Amino acid sequence: MKHGIRILCGLFCLLGVLFAGCNQTPYQSGVVGDTSVPIALAATRVPNVDIDLYLLAQQEKPTIIPSSLLRTETDILIDSIAIWGTVVGGELVVGTGVKAASSDDARLLDSLVSMDANGWKMLSGDVLYLVSGSATAREPLKNAISRLDFKYFDDVELLRAASRLPNNATDRPIAIGVIKPTVELVSYLARGATDEQTRQMNTVIELVDPRAIAIGVYSKKPLDVAQVLGVMQGKIDVSKLDICALGVMQSGRPSLLVESTAKTLLKRSGFDEIAFGTHVLYRMWINTNQQQAMPLLVWLNGNRVFASAAFQEAYAQQMISAAIAANLQD
């Protein structure tokens, strides 16, 4: 894969690693229309296959990929990036829809991308589609995309989880991801884990019974791609991005059981109980690769568990406070 697409993938991967809109007409990329409104996953279309994870990144204005990074004559403007994941035969197949600001931008992007034997791509108007996976496993997703067979995203549990995240003019995420922790996906993610790690994970899953996970990535200012690349290369401190990740896990167990189990697991894991106004939070400081400590805050709300992380603790507190305000009525 050539230089240009690495930058695009890196941008979205960074969002995913940190945890990792749309009124629209028939989907080609996932987002069309006014990008100043909150992201609405239910208004987007996804390939007509079973989806285990769905990530959508969209800033309020198109993201500029500088020509200096792409080694092209002009910049490329990207409206949104959508990623769909599905487990087929024990393999995670990943599809991506990159919606450019224009067909010219999309054609230029397409010229920068080459795929290996485990990849496939298709250009359709202002959208570049990519699918990664072995030839057999990727066939269902590839076929749906090649036929432009899309449907509105309608997974009730995942949409309900996403609706728990702050998503308004004040606290608008630049990316939202939803994950369905199916047996197949969990098994795939557990590959390479030790027997002890697998045992611990299975115990937690049995106790908590996670049904849906939603993650929002928030930023006080638009992400600068050059700065993101600098962070990935270790040239710029990641804290300079001023990003906060806020996630929620929806359990299938009763509220009292979830709260009791979660409290026990959090304290065993080294979280401290702290007062936050009239609420109780659990906090742990996590050391990053850059030898910085990042606060992870957890709030228990019935059979839902919220977690917020940012390099500035005030930002993590701000977003957990927004989550509390949005969910107290339940």
C-alpha atoms as a PDB file:
ATOM      1  CA  MET A   1       0.000   0.000   0.000  1.00  0.00           C
ATOM      2  CA  LYS A   2       1.418   3.363  -0.970  1.00  0.00           C
ATOM      3  CA  HIS A   3       2.331   6.383   1.099  1.00  0.00           C
ATOM      4  CA  GLY A   4      -0.957   8.269   0.828  1.00  0.00           C
ATOM      5  CA  ILE A   5      -3.326   5.631   2.134  1.00  0.00           C
ATOM      6  CA  ARG A   6      -1.042   4.919   5.100  1.00  0.00           C
ATOM      7  CA  ILE A   7      -1.685   8.439   6.311  1.00  0.00           C
ATOM      8  CA  LEU A   8      -5.444   8.008   5.995  1.00  0.00           C
ATOM      9  CA  CYS A   9      -5.393   4.665   7.749  1.00  0.00           C
ATOM     10  CA  GLY A  10      -3.124   6.075  10.415  1.00  0.00           C
ATOM     11  CA  LEU A  11      -5.513   8.929  11.083  1.00  0.00           C
ATOM     12  CA  PHE A  12      -8.393   6.592  11.704  1.00  0.00           C
ATOM     13  CA  CYS A  13      -6.322   3.974  13.504  1.00  0.00           C
ATOM     14  CA  LEU A  14      -5.196   6.646  15.939  1.00  0.00           C
ATOM     15  CA  LEU A  15      -8.819   7.413  16.725  1.00  0.00           C
ATOM     16  CA  GLY A  16      -9.498   3.735  17.232  1.00  0.00           C
ATOM     17  CA  VAL A  17      -6.455   3.136  19.387  1.00  0.00           C
ATOM     18  CA  LEU A  18      -7.415   5.997  21.677  1.00  0.00           C
ATOM     19  CA  PHE A  19     -10.417   3.705  22.343  1.00  0.00           C
ATOM     20  CA  ALA A  20     -10.143   3.205  17.922  1.00  0.00           C
ATOM     21  CA  GLY A  21     -23.665  12.756  10.486  1.00  0.00           C
ATOM     22  CA  CYS A  22     -25.662  12.837   8.745  1.00  0.00           C
ATOM     23  CA  ASN A  23     -28.792  13.440   6.921  1.00  0.00           C
ATOM     24  CA  GLN A  24     -28.185  11.639   3.729  1.00  0.00           C
ATOM     25  CA  THR A  25     -29.244  10.249   0.442  1.00  0.00           C
ATOM     26  CA  PRO A  26     -28.435   6.653  -0.620  1.00  0.00           C
ATOM     27  CA  TYR A  27     -25.115   5.845   0.883  1.00  0.00           C
ATOM     28  CA  GLN A  28     -21.974   5.612  -0.975  1.00  0.00           C
ATOM     29  CA  SER A  29     -19.643   6.495   1.867  1.00  0.00           C
ATOM     30  CA  GLY A  30     -21.648   6.910   5.045  1.00  0.00           C
ATOM     31  CA  VAL A  31     -21.940  10.655   5.354  1.00  0.00           C
ATOM     32  CA  VAL A  32     -23.469  13.194   3.044  1.00  0.00           C
ATOM     33  CA  GLY A  33     -24.825  16.648   3.793  1.00  0.00           C
ATOM     34  CA  ASP A  34     -24.440  19.076   6.687  1.00  0.00           C
ATOM     35  CA  THR A  35     -21.433  17.988   8.739  1.00  0.00           C
ATOM     36  CA  SER A  36     -22.026  20.597  11.445  1.00  0.00           C
ATOM     37  CA  VAL A  37     -24.890  18.540  12.888  1.00  0.00           C
ATOM     38  CA  PRO A  38     -24.268  15.699  15.365  1.00  0.00           C
ATOM     39  CA  ILE A  39     -23.300  12.334  13.920  1.00  0.00           C
ATOM     40  CA  ALA A  40     -26.401  10.149  13.483  1.00  0.00           C
ATOM     41  CA  LEU A  41     -25.494   6.543  12.760  1.00  0.00           C
ATOM     42  CA  ALA A  42     -29.123   5.609  12.079  1.00  0.00           C
ATOM     43  CA  ALA A  43     -29.090   7.975   9.083  1.00  0.00           C
ATOM     44  CA  THR A  44     -26.109   6.248   7.487  1.00  0.00           C
ATOM     45  CA  ARG A  45     -25.977   3.221   5.242  1.00  0.00           C
ATOM     46  CA  VAL A  46     -23.709   0.213   5.642  1.00  0.00           C
ATOM     47  CA  PRO A  47     -23.008  -2.804   3.418  1.00  0.00           C
ATOM     48  CA  ASN A  48     -25.888  -5.270   3.519  1.00  0.00           C
ATOM     49  CA  VAL A  49     -24.061  -7.967   5.499  1.00  0.00           C
ATOM     50  CA  ASP A  50     -23.848  -8.794   9.198  1.00  0.00           C
ATOM     51  CA  ILE A  51     -21.679  -6.104  10.802  1.00  0.00           C
ATOM     52  CA  ASP A  52     -19.805  -6.731  14.062  1.00  0.00           C
ATOM     53  CA  LEU A  53     -18.251  -3.277  14.275  1.00  0.00           C
ATOM     54  CA  TYR A  54     -18.879   0.076  12.641  1.00  0.00           C
ATOM     55  CA  LEU A  55     -16.675   3.157  12.967  1.00  0.00           C
ATOM     56  CA  LEU A  56     -17.463   6.535  11.438  1.00  0.00           C
ATOM     57  CA  ALA A  57     -15.104   9.525  11.526  1.00  0.00           C
ATOM     58  CA  GLN A  58     -16.341  12.902  10.352  1.00  0.00           C
ATOM     59  CA  GLN A  59     -15.122  16.319  11.408  1.00  0.00           C
ATOM     60  CA  GLU A  60     -17.302  19.413  11.057  1.00  0.00           C
ATOM     61  CA  LYS A  61     -15.315  20.479   8.004  1.00  0.00           C
ATOM     62  CA  PRO A  62     -13.517  18.287   5.455  1.00  0.00           C
ATOM     63  CA  THR A  63     -10.155  17.018   6.651  1.00  0.00           C
ATOM     64  CA  ILE A  64      -7.222  18.279   4.596  1.00  0.00           C
ATOM     65  CA  ILE A  65      -4.543  15.756   3.673  1.00  0.00           C
ATOM     66  CA  PRO A  66      -1.633  18.054   2.714  1.00  0.00           C
ATOM     67  CA  SER A  67       0.068  17.514  -0.641  1.00  0.00           C
ATOM     68  CA  SER A  68       3.406  17.598   1.181  1.00  0.00           C
ATOM     69  CA  LEU A  69       2.450  14.385   2.976  1.00  0.00           C
ATOM     70  CA  LEU A  70       0.936  12.724  -0.066  1.00  0.00           C
ATOM     71  CA  ARG A  71       3.688  13.846  -2.440  1.00  0.00           C
ATOM     72  CA  THR A  72       1.053  15.091  -4.853  1.00  0.00           C
ATOM     73  CA  GLU A  73       0.532  18.431  -6.577  1.00  0.00           C
ATOM     74  CA  THR A  74      -2.646  19.234  -4.644  1.00  0.00           C
ATOM     75  CA  ASP A  75      -4.153  18.554  -1.237  1.00  0.00           C
ATOM     76  CA  ILE A  76      -6.912  15.965  -0.854  1.00  0.00           C
ATOM     77  CA  LEU A  77     -10.077  16.820   1.073  1.00  0.00           C
ATOM     78  CA  ILE A  78     -11.789  13.990   2.955  1.00  0.00           C
ATOM     79  CA  ASP A  79     -15.384  14.320   4.185  1.00  0.00           C
ATOM     80  CA  SER A  80     -15.591  11.093   6.158  1.00  0.00           C
ATOM     81  CA  ILE A  81     -14.136   7.652   6.733  1.00  0.00           C
ATOM     82  CA  ALA A  82     -16.354   4.670   7.545  1.00  0.00           C
ATOM     83  CA  ILE A  83     -15.017   1.287   8.626  1.00  0.00           C
ATOM     84  CA  TRP A  84     -17.059  -1.905   8.798  1.00  0.00           C
ATOM     85  CA  GLY A  85     -15.857  -5.129  10.388  1.00  0.00           C
ATOM     86  CA  THR A  86     -17.313  -8.619  10.124  1.00  0.00           C
ATOM     87  CA  VAL A  87     -15.938 -11.967  11.258  1.00  0.00           C
ATOM     88  CA  VAL A  88     -16.096 -14.669   8.574  1.00  0.00           C
ATOM     89  CA  GLY A  89     -14.731 -18.148   9.242  1.00  0.00           C
ATOM     90  CA  GLY A  90     -12.751 -16.925  12.239  1.00  0.00           C
ATOM     91  CA  GLU A  91     -11.181 -14.084  10.234  1.00  0.00           C
ATOM     92  CA  LEU A  92     -11.889 -10.382  10.703  1.00  0.00           C
ATOM     93  CA  VAL A  93     -12.702  -8.789   7.353  1.00  0.00           C
ATOM     94  CA  VAL A  94     -12.494  -5.000   7.293  1.00  0.00           C
ATOM     95  CA  GLY A  95     -14.116  -2.711   4.754  1.00  0.00           C
ATOM     96  CA  THR A  96     -13.489   1.020   4.447  1.00  0.00           C
ATOM     97  CA  GLY A  97     -15.410   3.749   2.667  1.00  0.00           C
ATOM     98  CA  VAL A  98     -13.438   6.971   2.206  1.00  0.00           C
ATOM     99  CA  LYS A  99     -15.697   9.775   1.031  1.00  0.00           C
ATOM    100  CA  ALA A 100     -13.728  12.575  -0.589  1.00  0.00           C
ATOM    101  CA  ALA A 101     -14.948  16.138  -1.007  1.00  0.00           C
ATOM    102  CA  SER A 102     -15.107  15.666  -4.787  1.00  0.00           C
ATOM    103  CA  SER A 103     -14.713  13.032  -7.480  1.00  0.00           C
ATOM    104  CA  ASP A 104     -11.356  14.568  -8.391  1.00  0.00           C
ATOM    105  CA  ASP A 105     -10.133  14.114  -4.816  1.00  0.00           C
ATOM    106  CA  ALA A 106     -11.356  10.516  -4.852  1.00  0.00           C
ATOM    107  CA  ARG A 107      -9.603   9.749  -8.155  1.00  0.00           C
ATOM    108  CA  LEU A 108      -6.350  11.199  -6.854  1.00  0.00           C
ATOM    109  CA  LEU A 109      -6.661   9.143  -3.692  1.00  0.00           C
ATOM    110  CA  ASP A 110      -7.383   6.021  -5.731  1.00  0.00           C
ATOM    111  CA  SER A 111      -4.186   6.582  -7.714  1.00  0.00           C
ATOM    112  CA  LEU A 112      -2.200   6.481  -4.470  1.00  0.00           C
ATOM    113  CA  VAL A 113      -3.594   3.168  -3.270  1.00  0.00           C
ATOM    114  CA  SER A 114      -2.374  -0.273  -4.268  1.00  0.00           C
ATOM    115  CA  MET A 115      -3.725  -3.458  -2.698  1.00  0.00           C
ATOM    116  CA  ASP A 116      -1.987  -6.779  -2.111  1.00  0.00           C
ATOM    117  CA  ALA A 117      -3.466 -10.248  -2.612  1.00  0.00           C
ATOM    118  CA  ASN A 118      -5.586  -9.866   0.531  1.00  0.00           C
ATOM    119  CA  GLY A 119      -7.083  -6.570  -0.563  1.00  0.00           C
ATOM    120  CA  TRP A 120      -9.650  -5.203  -3.018  1.00  0.00           C
ATOM    121  CA  LYS A 121     -10.660  -1.675  -3.955  1.00  0.00           C
ATOM    122  CA  MET A 122     -13.329   0.084  -5.989  1.00  0.00           C
ATOM    123  CA  LEU A 123     -13.821   3.736  -6.922  1.00  0.00           C
ATOM    124  CA  SER A 124     -17.412   4.936  -7.180  1.00  0.00           C
ATOM    125  CA  GLY A 125     -17.917   8.653  -7.738  1.00  0.00           C
ATOM    126  CA  ASP A 126     -16.461  10.508  -4.770  1.00  0.00           C
ATOM    127  CA  VAL A 127     -16.013   7.368  -2.654  1.00  0.00           C
ATOM    128  CA  LEU A 128     -13.089   4.950  -2.549  1.00  0.00           C
ATOM    129  CA  TYR A 129     -13.920   1.537  -1.105  1.00  0.00           C
ATOM    130  CA  LEU A 130     -11.308  -0.840   0.312  1.00  0.00           C
ATOM    131  CA  VAL A 131     -11.760  -4.374   1.628  1.00  0.00           C
ATOM    132  CA  SER A 132      -9.076  -6.310   3.491  1.00  0.00           C
ATOM    133  CA  GLY A 133      -9.295 -10.056   4.040  1.00  0.00           C
ATOM    134  CA  SER A 134      -8.528 -13.356   2.362  1.00  0.00           C
ATOM    135  CA  ALA A 135     -10.248 -13.976  -0.966  1.00  0.00           C
ATOM    136  CA  THR A 136     -12.843 -16.350   0.491  1.00  0.00           C
ATOM    137  CA  ALA A 137     -13.583 -14.462   3.702  1.00  0.00           C
ATOM    138  CA  ARG A 138     -13.924 -11.046   2.078  1.00  0.00           C
ATOM    139  CA  GLU A 139     -16.341 -12.226  -0.629  1.00  0.00           C
ATOM    140  CA  PRO A 140     -19.658 -11.330   1.133  1.00  0.00           C
ATOM    141  CA  LEU A 141     -18.516  -7.807   2.043  1.00  0.00           C
ATOM    142  CA  LYS A 142     -16.841  -7.262  -1.316  1.00  0.00           C
ATOM    143  CA  ASN A 143     -19.940  -8.412  -3.200  1.00  0.00           C
ATOM    144  CA  ALA A 144     -22.250  -6.126  -1.227  1.00  0.00           C
ATOM    145  CA  ILE A 145     -20.026  -3.116  -1.898  1.00  0.00           C
ATOM    146  CA  SER A 146     -19.435  -3.930  -5.567  1.00  0.00           C
ATOM    147  CA  ARG A 147     -23.216  -4.092  -6.102  1.00  0.00           C
ATOM    148  CA  LEU A 148     -23.691  -0.935  -3.989  1.00  0.00           C
ATOM    149  CA  ASP A 149     -26.007  -3.055  -1.849  1.00  0.00           C
ATOM    150  CA  PHE A 150     -26.310  -0.887   1.257  1.00  0.00           C
ATOM    151  CA  LYS A 151     -28.931  -0.628   3.992  1.00  0.00           C
ATOM    152  CA  TYR A 152     -29.620   1.872   6.745  1.00  0.00           C
ATOM    153  CA  PHE A 153     -27.735   0.975   9.899  1.00  0.00           C
ATOM    154  CA  ASP A 154     -30.510  -0.430  12.086  1.00  0.00           C
ATOM    155  CA  ASP A 155     -28.915  -2.513  14.853  1.00  0.00           C
ATOM    156  CA  VAL A 156     -31.165  -1.508  17.749  1.00  0.00           C
ATOM    157  CA  GLU A 157     -28.791  -2.447  20.581  1.00  0.00           C
ATOM    158  CA  LEU A 158     -25.797  -0.710  19.015  1.00  0.00           C
ATOM    159  CA  LEU A 159     -27.803   2.413  18.182  1.00  0.00           C
ATOM    160  CA  ARG A 160     -29.156   2.513  21.722  1.00  0.00           C
ATOM    161  CA  ALA A 161     -25.618   2.308  23.105  1.00  0.00           C
ATOM    162  CA  ALA A 162     -24.435   5.077  20.762  1.00  0.00           C
ATOM    163  CA  SER A 163     -27.343   7.278  21.871  1.00  0.00           C
ATOM    164  CA  ARG A 164     -25.901   7.225  25.397  1.00  0.00           C
ATOM    165  CA  LEU A 165     -22.882   9.253  24.266  1.00  0.00           C
ATOM    166  CA  PRO A 166     -22.940  13.069  24.284  1.00  0.00           C
ATOM    167  CA  ASN A 167     -23.611  14.077  20.687  1.00  0.00           C
ATOM    168  CA  ASN A 168     -24.744  17.662  20.255  1.00  0.00           C
ATOM    169  CA  ALA A 169     -23.536  21.072  19.146  1.00  0.00           C
ATOM    170  CA  THR A 170     -21.515  21.479  22.360  1.00  0.00           C
ATOM    171  CA  ASP A 171     -20.068  17.981  22.626  1.00  0.00           C
ATOM    172  CA  ARG A 172     -19.934  16.687  19.056  1.00  0.00           C
ATOM    173  CA  PRO A 173     -17.716  13.634  18.484  1.00  0.00           C
ATOM    174  CA  ILE A 174     -15.356  13.575  15.533  1.00  0.00           C
ATOM    175  CA  ALA A 175     -15.745   9.795  15.450  1.00  0.00           C
ATOM    176  CA  ILE A 176     -18.180   7.211  16.778  1.00  0.00           C
ATOM    177  CA  GLY A 177     -17.652   3.476  16.889  1.00  0.00           C
ATOM    178  CA  VAL A 178     -20.032   0.687  17.866  1.00  0.00           C
ATOM    179  CA  ILE A 179     -19.052  -2.902  18.563  1.00  0.00           C
ATOM    180  CA  LYS A 180     -21.194  -5.996  18.956  1.00  0.00           C
ATOM    181  CA  PRO A 181     -19.145  -8.361  21.178  1.00  0.00           C
ATOM    182  CA  THR A 182     -20.247 -11.548  19.449  1.00  0.00           C
ATOM    183  CA  VAL A 183     -18.676 -14.894  20.300  1.00  0.00           C
ATOM    184  CA  GLU A 184     -16.931 -14.849  16.919  1.00  0.00           C
ATOM    185  CA  LEU A 185     -15.469 -11.373  17.407  1.00  0.00           C
ATOM    186  CA  VAL A 186     -14.354 -12.067  20.971  1.00  0.00           C
ATOM    187  CA  SER A 187     -12.725 -15.324  19.857  1.00  0.00           C
ATOM    188  CA  TYR A 188     -10.886 -13.497  17.089  1.00  0.00           C
ATOM    189  CA  LEU A 189      -9.667 -10.773  19.452  1.00  0.00           C
ATOM    190  CA  ALA A 190      -8.539 -13.393  21.972  1.00  0.00           C
ATOM    191  CA  ARG A 191      -6.197 -15.085  19.515  1.00  0.00           C
ATOM    192  CA  GLY A 192      -2.663 -14.917  20.825  1.00  0.00           C
ATOM    193  CA  ALA A 193      -3.763 -14.410  24.416  1.00  0.00           C
ATOM    194  CA  THR A 194      -2.352 -16.655  27.113  1.00  0.00           C
ATOM    195  CA  ASP A 195      -4.555 -19.287  28.732  1.00  0.00           C
ATOM    196  CA  GLU A 196      -4.730 -17.152  31.874  1.00  0.00           C
ATOM    197  CA  GLN A 197      -5.720 -14.034  29.922  1.00  0.00           C
ATOM    198  CA  THR A 198      -8.376 -15.996  28.059  1.00  0.00           C
ATOM    199  CA  ARG A 199      -9.715 -17.401  31.309  1.00  0.00           C
ATOM    200  CA  GLN A 200      -9.930 -13.949  32.882  1.00  0.00           C
ATOM    201  CA  MET A 201     -11.644 -12.513  29.818  1.00  0.00           C
ATOM    202  CA  ASN A 202     -14.184 -15.331  29.711  1.00  0.00           C
ATOM    203  CA  THR A 203     -14.916 -14.811  33.408  1.00  0.00           C
ATOM    204  CA  VAL A 204     -15.568 -11.097  32.902  1.00  0.00           C
ATOM    205  CA  ILE A 205     -17.781 -11.760  29.875  1.00  0.00           C
ATOM    206  CA  GLU A 206     -19.757 -14.370  31.790  1.00  0.00           C
ATOM    207  CA  LEU A 207     -20.268 -12.019  34.743  1.00  0.00           C
ATOM    208  CA  VAL A 208     -21.026  -8.827  32.820  1.00  0.00           C
ATOM    209  CA  ASP A 209     -22.615 -10.193  29.611  1.00  0.00           C
ATOM    210  CA  PRO A 210     -21.705  -7.226  27.367  1.00  0.00           C
ATOM    211  CA  ARG A 211     -24.355  -6.686  24.676  1.00  0.00           C
ATOM    212  CA  ALA A 212     -23.116  -3.522  22.985  1.00  0.00           C
ATOM    213  CA  ILE A 213     -20.173  -1.123  23.169  1.00  0.00           C
ATOM    214  CA  ALA A 214     -20.110   2.432  21.841  1.00  0.00           C
ATOM    215  CA  ILE A 215     -17.109   4.758  21.718  1.00  0.00           C
ATOM    216  CA  GLY A 216     -16.930   8.443  20.889  1.00  0.00           C
ATOM    217  CA  VAL A 217     -13.775  10.429  20.175  1.00  0.00           C
ATOM    218  CA  TYR A 218     -13.976  14.134  20.981  1.00  0.00           C
ATOM    219  CA  SER A 219     -11.658  17.014  20.158  1.00  0.00           C
ATOM    220  CA  LYS A 220     -11.867  20.691  21.077  1.00  0.00           C
ATOM    221  CA  LYS A 221     -10.445  21.632  17.699  1.00  0.00           C
ATOM    222  CA  PRO A 222     -10.215  19.971  14.266  1.00  0.00           C
ATOM    223  CA  LEU A 223      -7.522  17.326  13.994  1.00  0.00           C
ATOM    224  CA  ASP A 224      -4.540  18.346  11.913  1.00  0.00           C
ATOM    225  CA  VAL A 225      -3.318  15.414   9.822  1.00  0.00           C
ATOM    226  CA  ALA A 226       0.302  16.567   9.825  1.00  0.00           C
ATOM    227  CA  GLN A 227       0.187  16.723  13.615  1.00  0.00           C
ATOM    228  CA  VAL A 228      -1.409  13.269  13.814  1.00  0.00           C
ATOM    229  CA  LEU A 229       1.330  11.843  11.613  1.00  0.00           C
ATOM    230  CA  GLY A 230       3.933  13.478  13.843  1.00  0.00           C
ATOM    231  CA  VAL A 231       2.387  11.782  16.860  1.00  0.00           C
ATOM    232  CA  MET A 232       2.431   8.399  15.108  1.00  0.00           C
ATOM    233  CA  GLN A 233       6.103   8.889  14.250  1.00  0.00           C
ATOM    234  CA  GLY A 234       6.912   9.856  17.834  1.00  0.00           C
ATOM    235  CA  LYS A 235       7.964  13.380  16.856  1.00  0.00           C
ATOM    236  CA  ILE A 236       5.053  15.120  18.591  1.00  0.00           C
ATOM    237  CA  ASP A 237       3.648  14.469  22.040  1.00  0.00           C
ATOM    238  CA  VAL A 238       0.247  12.766  21.727  1.00  0.00           C
ATOM    239  CA  SER A 239      -1.147  15.058  24.420  1.00  0.00           C
ATOM    240  CA  LYS A 240      -0.900  17.917  21.918  1.00  0.00           C
ATOM    241  CA  LEU A 241      -3.887  16.452  20.066  1.00  0.00           C
ATOM    242  CA  ASP A 242      -6.183  17.319  22.983  1.00  0.00           C
ATOM    243  CA  ILE A 243      -8.453  14.332  22.383  1.00  0.00           C
ATOM    244  CA  CYS A 244     -10.863  12.608  24.752  1.00  0.00           C
ATOM    245  CA  ALA A 245     -12.318   9.137  24.283  1.00  0.00           C
ATOM    246  CA  LEU A 246     -15.610   8.265  25.965  1.00  0.00           C
ATOM    247  CA  GLY A 247     -17.064   4.774  25.857  1.00  0.00           C
ATOM    248  CA  VAL A 248     -20.099   2.941  27.200  1.00  0.00           C
ATOM    249  CA  MET A 249     -20.710  -0.775  27.642  1.00  0.00           C
ATOM    250  CA  GLN A 250     -24.310  -1.990  27.838  1.00  0.00           C
ATOM    251  CA  SER A 251     -24.736  -5.167  29.881  1.00  0.00           C
ATOM    252  CA  GLY A 252     -27.449  -7.781  29.639  1.00  0.00           C
ATOM    253  CA  ARG A 253     -27.353  -8.399  33.397  1.00  0.00           C
ATOM    254  CA  PRO A 254     -29.520  -6.664  36.059  1.00  0.00           C
ATOM    255  CA  SER A 255     -28.258  -3.279  37.287  1.00  0.00           C
ATOM    256  CA  LEU A 256     -27.472  -4.378  40.851  1.00  0.00           C
ATOM    257  CA  LEU A 257     -25.407  -7.330  39.641  1.00  0.00           C
ATOM    258  CA  VAL A 258     -23.514  -5.201  37.111  1.00  0.00           C
ATOM    259  CA  GLU A 259     -22.679  -2.474  39.640  1.00  0.00           C
ATOM    260  CA  SER A 260     -21.564  -4.982  42.272  1.00  0.00           C
ATOM    261  CA  THR A 261     -19.458  -6.971  39.807  1.00  0.00           C
ATOM    262  CA  ALA A 262     -17.955  -3.862  38.210  1.00  0.00           C
ATOM    263  CA  LYS A 263     -16.987  -2.355  41.572  1.00  0.00           C
ATOM    264  CA  THR A 264     -15.208  -5.555  42.562  1.00  0.00           C
ATOM    265  CA  LEU A 265     -13.372  -5.856  39.239  1.00  0.00           C
ATOM    266  CA  LEU A 266     -12.362  -2.181  39.226  1.00  0.00           C
ATOM    267  CA  LYS A 267     -10.927  -2.289  42.739  1.00  0.00           C
ATOM    268  CA  ARG A 268      -9.060  -5.519  41.985  1.00  0.00           C
ATOM    269  CA  SER A 269      -7.602  -3.836  38.908  1.00  0.00           C
ATOM    270  CA  GLY A 270      -6.199  -0.936  40.926  1.00  0.00           C
ATOM    271  CA  PHE A 271      -8.849   1.746  40.415  1.00  0.00           C
ATOM    272  CA  ASP A 272      -9.333   4.285  43.200  1.00  0.00           C
ATOM    273  CA  GLU A 273     -12.797   5.402  44.252  1.00  0.00           C
ATOM    274  CA  ILE A 274     -13.144   9.201  44.096  1.00  0.00           C
ATOM    275  CA  ALA A 275     -15.949  11.663  44.755  1.00  0.00           C
ATOM    276  CA  PHE A 276     -17.201  13.647  41.760  1.00  0.00           C
ATOM    277  CA  GLY A 277     -19.846  16.058  42.956  1.00  0.00           C
ATOM    278  CA  THR A 278     -22.685  13.864  44.184  1.00  0.00           C
ATOM    279  CA  HIS A 279     -21.431  10.911  42.148  1.00  0.00           C
ATOM    280  CA  VAL A 280     -18.743   8.274  42.590  1.00  0.00           C
ATOM    281  CA  LEU A 281     -16.099   7.658  39.943  1.00  0.00           C
ATOM    282  CA  TYR A 282     -13.289   5.133  39.705  1.00  0.00           C
ATOM    283  CA  ARG A 283      -9.911   6.363  38.493  1.00  0.00           C
ATOM    284  CA  MET A 284      -6.719   4.732  37.329  1.00  0.00           C
ATOM    285  CA  TRP A 285      -3.589   6.392  35.949  1.00  0.00           C
ATOM    286  CA  ILE A 286      -2.292   4.646  32.844  1.00  0.00           C
ATOM    287  CA  ASN A 287       1.284   4.996  31.624  1.00  0.00           C
ATOM    288  CA  THR A 288       1.556   5.541  27.875  1.00  0.00           C
ATOM    289  CA  ASN A 289       4.378   4.723  25.468  1.00  0.00           C
ATOM    290  CA  GLN A 290       5.587   8.290  25.891  1.00  0.00           C
ATOM    291  CA  GLN A 291       5.968   7.797  29.643  1.00  0.00           C
ATOM    292  CA  GLN A 292       3.003   9.988  30.448  1.00  0.00           C
ATOM    293  CA  ALA A 293       0.247   9.167  32.885  1.00  0.00           C
ATOM    294  CA  MET A 294      -3.268   9.374  31.460  1.00  0.00           C
ATOM    295  CA  PRO A 295      -6.336   9.266  33.724  1.00  0.00           C
ATOM    296  CA  LEU A 296      -9.034   6.693  33.012  1.00  0.00           C
ATOM    297  CA  LEU A 297     -12.334   7.550  34.707  1.00  0.00           C
ATOM    298  CA  VAL A 298     -15.205   5.076  35.113  1.00  0.00           C
ATOM    299  CA  TRP A 299     -18.816   5.811  36.062  1.00  0.00           C
ATOM    300  CA  LEU A 300     -21.334   3.065  36.834  1.00  0.00           C
ATOM    301  CA  ASN A 301     -24.901   3.774  35.740  1.00  0.00           C
ATOM    302  CA  GLY A 302     -27.233   0.853  36.331  1.00  0.00           C
ATOM    303  CA  ASN A 303     -26.292  -1.905  33.907  1.00  0.00           C
ATOM    304  CA  ARG A 304     -24.123   0.479  31.880  1.00  0.00           C
ATOM    305  CA  VAL A 305     -20.438   1.239  32.415  1.00  0.00           C
ATOM    306  CA  PHE A 306     -19.006   4.526  31.115  1.00  0.00           C
ATOM    307  CA  ALA A 307     -15.271   5.189  30.736  1.00  0.00           C
ATOM    308  CA  SER A 308     -13.499   8.422  29.805  1.00  0.00           C
ATOM    309  CA  ALA A 309      -9.805   8.962  29.019  1.00  0.00           C
ATOM    310  CA  ALA A 310      -7.830  12.064  28.060  1.00  0.00           C
ATOM    311  CA  PHE A 311      -4.353  13.369  28.746  1.00  0.00           C
ATOM    312  CA  GLN A 312      -5.862  16.391  30.461  1.00  0.00           C
ATOM    313  CA  GLU A 313      -7.863  15.117  33.423  1.00  0.00           C
ATOM    314  CA  ALA A 314     -10.156  18.153  33.214  1.00  0.00           C
ATOM    315  CA  TYR A 315     -11.190  17.062  29.712  1.00  0.00           C
ATOM    316  CA  ALA A 316     -11.873  13.490  30.855  1.00  0.00           C
ATOM    317  CA  GLN A 317     -13.953  14.910  33.706  1.00  0.00           C
ATOM    318  CA  GLN A 318     -15.813  17.234  31.326  1.00  0.00           C
ATOM    319  CA  MET A 319     -16.882  14.362  29.091  1.00  0.00           C
ATOM    320  CA  ILE A 320     -17.818  12.009  31.935  1.00  0.00           C
ATOM    321  CA  SER A 321     -19.861  14.901  33.349  1.00  0.00           C
ATOM    322  CA  ALA A 322     -21.598  15.268  29.978  1.00  0.00           C
ATOM    323  CA  ALA A 323     -22.354  11.541  30.017  1.00  0.00           C
ATOM    324  CA  ILE A 324     -23.795  11.795  33.525  1.00  0.00           C
ATOM    325  CA  ALA A 325     -26.015  14.717  32.511  1.00  0.00           C
ATOM    326  CA  ALA A 326     -27.251  12.839  29.443  1.00  0.00           C
ATOM    327  CA  ASN A 327     -28.100   9.629  31.316  1.00  0.00           C
ATOM    328  CA  LEU A 328     -29.288  10.665  34.777  1.00  0.00           C
ATOM    329  CA  GLN A 329     -32.954  10.587  33.774  1.00  0.00           C
ATOM    330  CA  ASP A 330     -32.903   6.802  33.377  1.00  0.00           C
END
